[in-house]
N, C-alpha and C. Protein backbone atom coordinates (compact mmCIF):
# COMPACT_ATOMS: atom_id res chain seq x y z
N MET A 1 131.59 -129.52 233.22
CA MET A 1 132.15 -129.10 231.96
C MET A 1 132.22 -127.57 231.89
N ARG A 2 131.24 -126.90 232.39
CA ARG A 2 131.22 -125.44 232.33
C ARG A 2 132.36 -124.82 233.13
N ARG A 3 132.64 -125.36 234.34
CA ARG A 3 133.71 -124.83 235.18
C ARG A 3 135.06 -124.97 234.47
N ARG A 4 135.26 -126.09 233.80
CA ARG A 4 136.51 -126.32 233.08
C ARG A 4 136.65 -125.32 231.95
N ASP A 5 135.57 -125.04 231.24
CA ASP A 5 135.61 -124.07 230.14
C ASP A 5 135.91 -122.66 230.65
N VAL A 6 135.34 -122.31 231.79
CA VAL A 6 135.58 -120.99 232.36
C VAL A 6 137.03 -120.87 232.78
N GLN A 7 137.60 -121.91 233.37
CA GLN A 7 138.99 -121.86 233.80
C GLN A 7 139.94 -121.71 232.61
N ILE A 8 139.58 -122.28 231.48
CA ILE A 8 140.41 -122.16 230.28
C ILE A 8 140.33 -120.74 229.73
N GLU A 9 139.14 -120.17 229.69
CA GLU A 9 138.93 -118.86 229.08
C GLU A 9 139.36 -117.70 229.96
N CYS A 10 139.12 -117.79 231.27
CA CYS A 10 139.35 -116.67 232.17
C CYS A 10 140.63 -116.87 232.99
N ALA A 11 141.46 -115.83 233.02
CA ALA A 11 142.68 -115.89 233.81
C ALA A 11 142.39 -115.59 235.27
N GLU A 12 141.26 -114.96 235.55
CA GLU A 12 140.93 -114.57 236.91
C GLU A 12 139.53 -115.06 237.26
N THR A 13 139.38 -115.65 238.45
CA THR A 13 138.06 -116.10 238.91
C THR A 13 137.78 -115.50 240.28
N TRP A 14 136.53 -115.13 240.49
CA TRP A 14 136.09 -114.57 241.77
C TRP A 14 135.11 -115.56 242.39
N THR A 15 135.38 -115.96 243.62
CA THR A 15 134.50 -116.87 244.33
C THR A 15 133.91 -116.12 245.53
N VAL A 16 132.58 -116.08 245.60
CA VAL A 16 131.90 -115.36 246.67
C VAL A 16 131.26 -116.37 247.60
N GLY A 17 131.52 -116.22 248.90
CA GLY A 17 130.92 -117.10 249.88
C GLY A 17 131.23 -116.64 251.28
N ASP A 18 130.33 -116.87 252.19
CA ASP A 18 130.50 -116.51 253.61
C ASP A 18 130.79 -115.04 253.80
N GLY A 19 130.24 -114.18 252.96
CA GLY A 19 130.42 -112.74 253.12
C GLY A 19 131.78 -112.23 252.70
N SER A 20 132.53 -113.02 251.94
CA SER A 20 133.84 -112.55 251.48
C SER A 20 134.06 -112.98 250.03
N VAL A 21 134.97 -112.28 249.37
CA VAL A 21 135.29 -112.57 247.98
C VAL A 21 136.73 -113.06 247.91
N VAL A 22 136.93 -114.19 247.24
CA VAL A 22 138.26 -114.74 247.04
C VAL A 22 138.59 -114.60 245.56
N VAL A 23 139.67 -113.86 245.24
CA VAL A 23 140.07 -113.64 243.86
C VAL A 23 141.25 -114.54 243.57
N GLU A 24 141.14 -115.34 242.51
CA GLU A 24 142.21 -116.25 242.12
C GLU A 24 142.58 -115.97 240.68
N GLY A 25 143.85 -116.01 240.40
CA GLY A 25 144.27 -115.87 239.01
C GLY A 25 145.10 -114.65 238.74
N GLY A 26 145.15 -114.24 237.47
CA GLY A 26 146.04 -113.22 236.95
C GLY A 26 146.09 -111.90 237.68
N ALA A 27 145.03 -111.15 237.69
CA ALA A 27 145.05 -109.81 238.26
C ALA A 27 145.13 -109.83 239.78
N ALA A 28 144.78 -110.94 240.41
CA ALA A 28 144.85 -111.02 241.86
C ALA A 28 146.29 -110.91 242.33
N ASN A 29 147.21 -111.52 241.61
CA ASN A 29 148.62 -111.45 241.98
C ASN A 29 149.15 -110.04 241.82
N VAL A 30 148.74 -109.35 240.78
CA VAL A 30 149.17 -107.98 240.55
C VAL A 30 148.62 -107.07 241.63
N ALA A 31 147.37 -107.28 242.02
CA ALA A 31 146.74 -106.44 243.04
C ALA A 31 147.45 -106.59 244.38
N LYS A 32 147.88 -107.80 244.73
CA LYS A 32 148.59 -108.02 245.98
C LYS A 32 149.91 -107.26 246.00
N GLU A 33 150.58 -107.19 244.86
CA GLU A 33 151.83 -106.46 244.78
C GLU A 33 151.60 -104.96 244.94
N LYS A 34 150.51 -104.44 244.39
CA LYS A 34 150.23 -103.01 244.44
C LYS A 34 149.78 -102.56 245.82
N VAL A 35 149.24 -103.47 246.63
CA VAL A 35 148.75 -103.09 247.94
C VAL A 35 149.88 -102.59 248.81
N GLY A 36 151.04 -103.23 248.74
CA GLY A 36 152.17 -102.83 249.56
C GLY A 36 152.86 -101.57 249.08
N ALA A 37 152.67 -101.21 247.83
CA ALA A 37 153.33 -100.03 247.28
C ALA A 37 152.59 -98.77 247.68
N ILE A 38 153.35 -97.77 248.05
CA ILE A 38 152.77 -96.47 248.40
C ILE A 38 153.04 -95.52 247.25
N GLU A 39 151.99 -94.86 246.80
CA GLU A 39 152.15 -93.93 245.69
C GLU A 39 152.83 -92.67 246.16
N LYS A 40 153.79 -92.22 245.38
CA LYS A 40 154.50 -90.99 245.70
C LYS A 40 153.75 -89.83 245.07
N VAL A 41 153.52 -88.80 245.87
CA VAL A 41 152.82 -87.63 245.38
C VAL A 41 153.87 -86.59 245.01
N ASP A 42 153.81 -86.11 243.77
CA ASP A 42 154.77 -85.11 243.32
C ASP A 42 154.39 -83.74 243.85
N ASP A 43 155.42 -82.97 244.24
CA ASP A 43 155.20 -81.61 244.69
C ASP A 43 155.06 -80.65 243.52
N GLU A 44 155.72 -80.99 242.41
CA GLU A 44 155.67 -80.15 241.22
C GLU A 44 155.34 -80.99 240.01
N VAL A 45 154.57 -80.41 239.10
CA VAL A 45 154.18 -81.09 237.88
C VAL A 45 154.52 -80.18 236.71
N VAL A 46 155.05 -80.78 235.63
CA VAL A 46 155.37 -80.01 234.44
C VAL A 46 154.31 -80.31 233.40
N ASP A 47 153.63 -79.27 232.88
CA ASP A 47 152.59 -79.48 231.89
C ASP A 47 153.18 -79.57 230.49
N ALA A 48 152.32 -79.67 229.48
CA ALA A 48 152.75 -79.87 228.09
C ALA A 48 153.56 -78.70 227.55
N PHE A 49 153.36 -77.51 228.08
CA PHE A 49 154.08 -76.33 227.60
C PHE A 49 155.39 -76.11 228.34
N GLY A 50 155.69 -76.95 229.32
CA GLY A 50 156.94 -76.82 230.06
C GLY A 50 156.81 -75.97 231.31
N ASN A 51 155.61 -75.57 231.65
CA ASN A 51 155.40 -74.77 232.86
C ASN A 51 155.45 -75.67 234.09
N THR A 52 156.08 -75.19 235.15
CA THR A 52 156.14 -75.93 236.40
C THR A 52 155.02 -75.46 237.31
N ILE A 53 154.21 -76.42 237.77
CA ILE A 53 153.06 -76.11 238.61
C ILE A 53 153.27 -76.80 239.95
N LYS A 54 153.17 -76.04 241.04
CA LYS A 54 153.30 -76.61 242.38
C LYS A 54 151.95 -77.18 242.80
N VAL A 55 151.97 -78.42 243.28
CA VAL A 55 150.75 -79.10 243.69
C VAL A 55 150.62 -78.98 245.20
N LYS A 56 149.46 -78.52 245.64
CA LYS A 56 149.20 -78.40 247.07
C LYS A 56 148.63 -79.71 247.59
N ALA A 57 149.10 -80.12 248.74
CA ALA A 57 148.60 -81.33 249.37
C ALA A 57 147.21 -81.06 249.92
N PRO A 58 146.34 -82.06 249.91
CA PRO A 58 145.00 -81.85 250.47
C PRO A 58 145.10 -81.57 251.97
N LYS A 59 144.30 -80.65 252.43
CA LYS A 59 144.30 -80.30 253.83
C LYS A 59 143.62 -81.38 254.66
N LYS A 60 144.21 -81.66 255.80
CA LYS A 60 143.60 -82.61 256.72
C LYS A 60 142.55 -81.88 257.53
N THR A 61 141.38 -82.47 257.61
CA THR A 61 140.31 -81.85 258.37
C THR A 61 140.18 -82.57 259.71
N ASN A 62 139.94 -81.80 260.73
CA ASN A 62 139.72 -82.39 262.04
C ASN A 62 138.30 -82.91 262.11
N LEU A 63 138.17 -84.12 262.60
CA LEU A 63 136.86 -84.74 262.71
C LEU A 63 136.17 -84.28 263.99
N SER A 64 134.87 -84.21 263.91
CA SER A 64 134.11 -83.91 265.12
C SER A 64 134.15 -85.16 266.01
N ASN A 65 133.79 -84.99 267.26
CA ASN A 65 133.79 -86.12 268.19
C ASN A 65 132.87 -87.24 267.72
N LYS A 66 131.74 -86.86 267.15
CA LYS A 66 130.78 -87.85 266.67
C LYS A 66 131.39 -88.67 265.52
N GLU A 67 132.04 -87.99 264.56
CA GLU A 67 132.66 -88.68 263.43
C GLU A 67 133.83 -89.55 263.89
N ARG A 68 134.63 -89.04 264.82
CA ARG A 68 135.78 -89.79 265.33
C ARG A 68 135.32 -91.08 266.03
N LYS A 69 134.28 -90.97 266.86
CA LYS A 69 133.76 -92.14 267.56
C LYS A 69 133.17 -93.15 266.58
N ALA A 70 132.51 -92.67 265.53
CA ALA A 70 131.93 -93.57 264.52
C ALA A 70 133.04 -94.34 263.80
N ARG A 71 134.13 -93.65 263.46
CA ARG A 71 135.25 -94.33 262.80
C ARG A 71 135.91 -95.35 263.71
N GLU A 72 136.10 -94.99 264.98
CA GLU A 72 136.69 -95.92 265.93
C GLU A 72 135.81 -97.15 266.11
N LYS A 73 134.50 -96.94 266.15
CA LYS A 73 133.57 -98.06 266.31
C LYS A 73 133.61 -98.97 265.09
N ALA A 74 133.63 -98.38 263.90
CA ALA A 74 133.70 -99.18 262.67
C ALA A 74 135.01 -99.95 262.61
N ARG A 75 136.10 -99.32 263.02
CA ARG A 75 137.41 -99.98 263.01
C ARG A 75 137.42 -101.16 263.98
N LYS A 76 136.80 -100.96 265.15
CA LYS A 76 136.73 -102.03 266.15
C LYS A 76 135.94 -103.22 265.61
N VAL A 77 134.84 -102.94 264.92
CA VAL A 77 134.01 -104.00 264.34
C VAL A 77 134.81 -104.76 263.27
N ARG A 78 135.53 -104.03 262.42
CA ARG A 78 136.36 -104.69 261.39
C ARG A 78 137.44 -105.56 262.03
N ARG A 79 138.06 -105.05 263.08
CA ARG A 79 139.11 -105.79 263.75
C ARG A 79 138.56 -107.09 264.36
N GLU A 80 137.35 -107.02 264.96
CA GLU A 80 136.74 -108.20 265.54
C GLU A 80 136.40 -109.24 264.48
N ARG A 81 136.05 -108.78 263.28
CA ARG A 81 135.76 -109.69 262.18
C ARG A 81 137.02 -110.27 261.56
N GLY A 82 138.14 -109.65 261.86
CA GLY A 82 139.41 -110.13 261.30
C GLY A 82 139.81 -109.40 260.05
N ARG A 83 139.19 -108.29 259.76
CA ARG A 83 139.52 -107.50 258.56
C ARG A 83 140.09 -106.18 259.01
N MET A 84 141.28 -105.91 258.60
CA MET A 84 141.88 -104.62 258.96
C MET A 84 142.72 -104.09 257.88
């Protein structure tokens, strides 16, 4: 009876098991659509007074060998688990 009541009240349910989360319902469908969309970063922004402000892109930092190897190792582990 409780599961039926929860399904009536909640549009979204989260099921946790085997080290993963399965999201079912309303917001899950919206989230899947947003994953494929890439946000566009504006080069210029206009503030409330009408001033145009140029936005600088964040600088890319070069990783040290230790950090690069750690990221590659973590990526390899994720790939072996089937998550990428």
